């Protein structure tokens, strides 16, 4: 696959092992190779990033009040 999309095999291995993220460049190459939308793999990476951030920030996020709650409190 790496040869077919013109990238080093180590780059694909790093993505599969989670030590490198899917960039726009790789997303476009993989999309062309697999015949899916240009954003398919990029969106997968975004989903992973959001999941990881949510896990990391769970305590902070739980302390944030909704805008409507803050607004009602300030009236």
Protein backbone atom coordinates (compact mmCIF):
# COMPACT_ATOMS: atom_id res chain seq x y z
CA UNK A 1 0.00 0.00 0.00
CA UNK A 2 2.76 2.44 0.91
CA UNK A 3 4.33 2.00 -2.50
CA UNK A 4 0.97 2.49 -4.22
CA UNK A 5 0.33 5.81 -2.46
CA UNK A 6 3.97 6.95 -2.77
CA UNK A 7 4.93 7.18 0.90
CA UNK A 8 7.52 5.34 2.99
CA UNK A 9 6.26 2.10 4.54
CA UNK A 10 7.44 3.38 7.93
CA UNK A 11 4.90 6.20 7.68
CA UNK A 12 2.02 3.75 7.28
CA UNK A 13 3.39 1.59 10.10
CA UNK A 14 3.60 4.64 12.39
CA UNK A 15 -0.01 5.57 11.62
CA UNK A 16 -1.20 2.03 12.31
CA UNK A 17 0.70 1.95 15.62
CA UNK A 18 -0.64 5.35 16.66
CA UNK A 19 2.69 7.16 16.73
CA UNK A 20 1.76 9.41 13.80
CA UNK A 21 -1.54 11.08 12.98
CA UNK A 22 -3.32 11.03 9.64
CA UNK A 23 -2.44 14.29 7.95
CA UNK A 24 -4.32 15.95 5.10
CA UNK A 25 -1.64 14.61 2.75
CA UNK A 26 -2.08 11.01 3.88
CA UNK A 27 -5.86 11.39 3.97
CA UNK A 28 -5.93 12.41 0.32
CA UNK A 29 -3.62 9.58 -0.71
CA UNK A 30 -5.58 6.95 1.21
CA UNK A 31 -8.90 8.31 -0.08
CA UNK A 32 -7.70 8.03 -3.65
CA UNK A 33 -6.35 4.50 -3.04
CA UNK A 34 -9.53 3.21 -1.36
CA UNK A 35 -11.99 5.21 -3.49
CA UNK A 36 -13.61 7.12 -0.62
CA UNK A 37 -14.21 10.83 -0.03
CA UNK A 38 -11.19 13.10 0.39
CA UNK A 39 -12.16 13.84 3.98
CA UNK A 40 -12.92 10.27 5.10
CA UNK A 41 -9.61 9.48 6.79
CA UNK A 42 -9.09 13.06 7.95
CA UNK A 43 -12.48 12.91 9.71
CA UNK A 44 -11.50 9.62 11.35
CA UNK A 45 -8.41 11.34 12.75
CA UNK A 46 -10.53 14.27 13.96
CA UNK A 47 -12.87 11.84 15.73
CA UNK A 48 -9.91 10.18 17.45
CA UNK A 49 -8.48 13.58 18.46
CA UNK A 50 -11.83 14.70 19.90
CA UNK A 51 -12.28 11.44 21.81
CA UNK A 52 -8.79 11.75 23.29
CA UNK A 53 -9.29 15.41 24.20
CA UNK A 54 -12.65 14.67 25.81
CA UNK A 55 -11.07 11.93 27.90
CA UNK A 56 -8.16 14.19 28.91
CA UNK A 57 -10.39 17.19 29.69
CA UNK A 58 -13.30 15.36 31.33
CA UNK A 59 -12.85 17.04 34.72
CA UNK A 60 -12.59 20.54 33.23
CA UNK A 61 -15.49 19.95 30.84
CA UNK A 62 -17.76 18.74 33.63
CA UNK A 63 -17.17 22.02 35.49
CA UNK A 64 -18.26 24.20 32.56
CA UNK A 65 -21.81 25.50 32.84
CA UNK A 66 -24.10 25.89 29.83
CA UNK A 67 -24.39 29.40 28.43
CA UNK A 68 -28.12 29.44 29.22
CA UNK A 69 -27.40 28.59 32.88
CA UNK A 70 -24.83 31.36 33.18
CA UNK A 71 -27.11 33.81 31.41
CA UNK A 72 -30.09 32.97 33.66
CA UNK A 73 -27.94 33.33 36.76
CA UNK A 74 -26.78 36.81 35.70
CA UNK A 75 -30.30 38.20 35.18
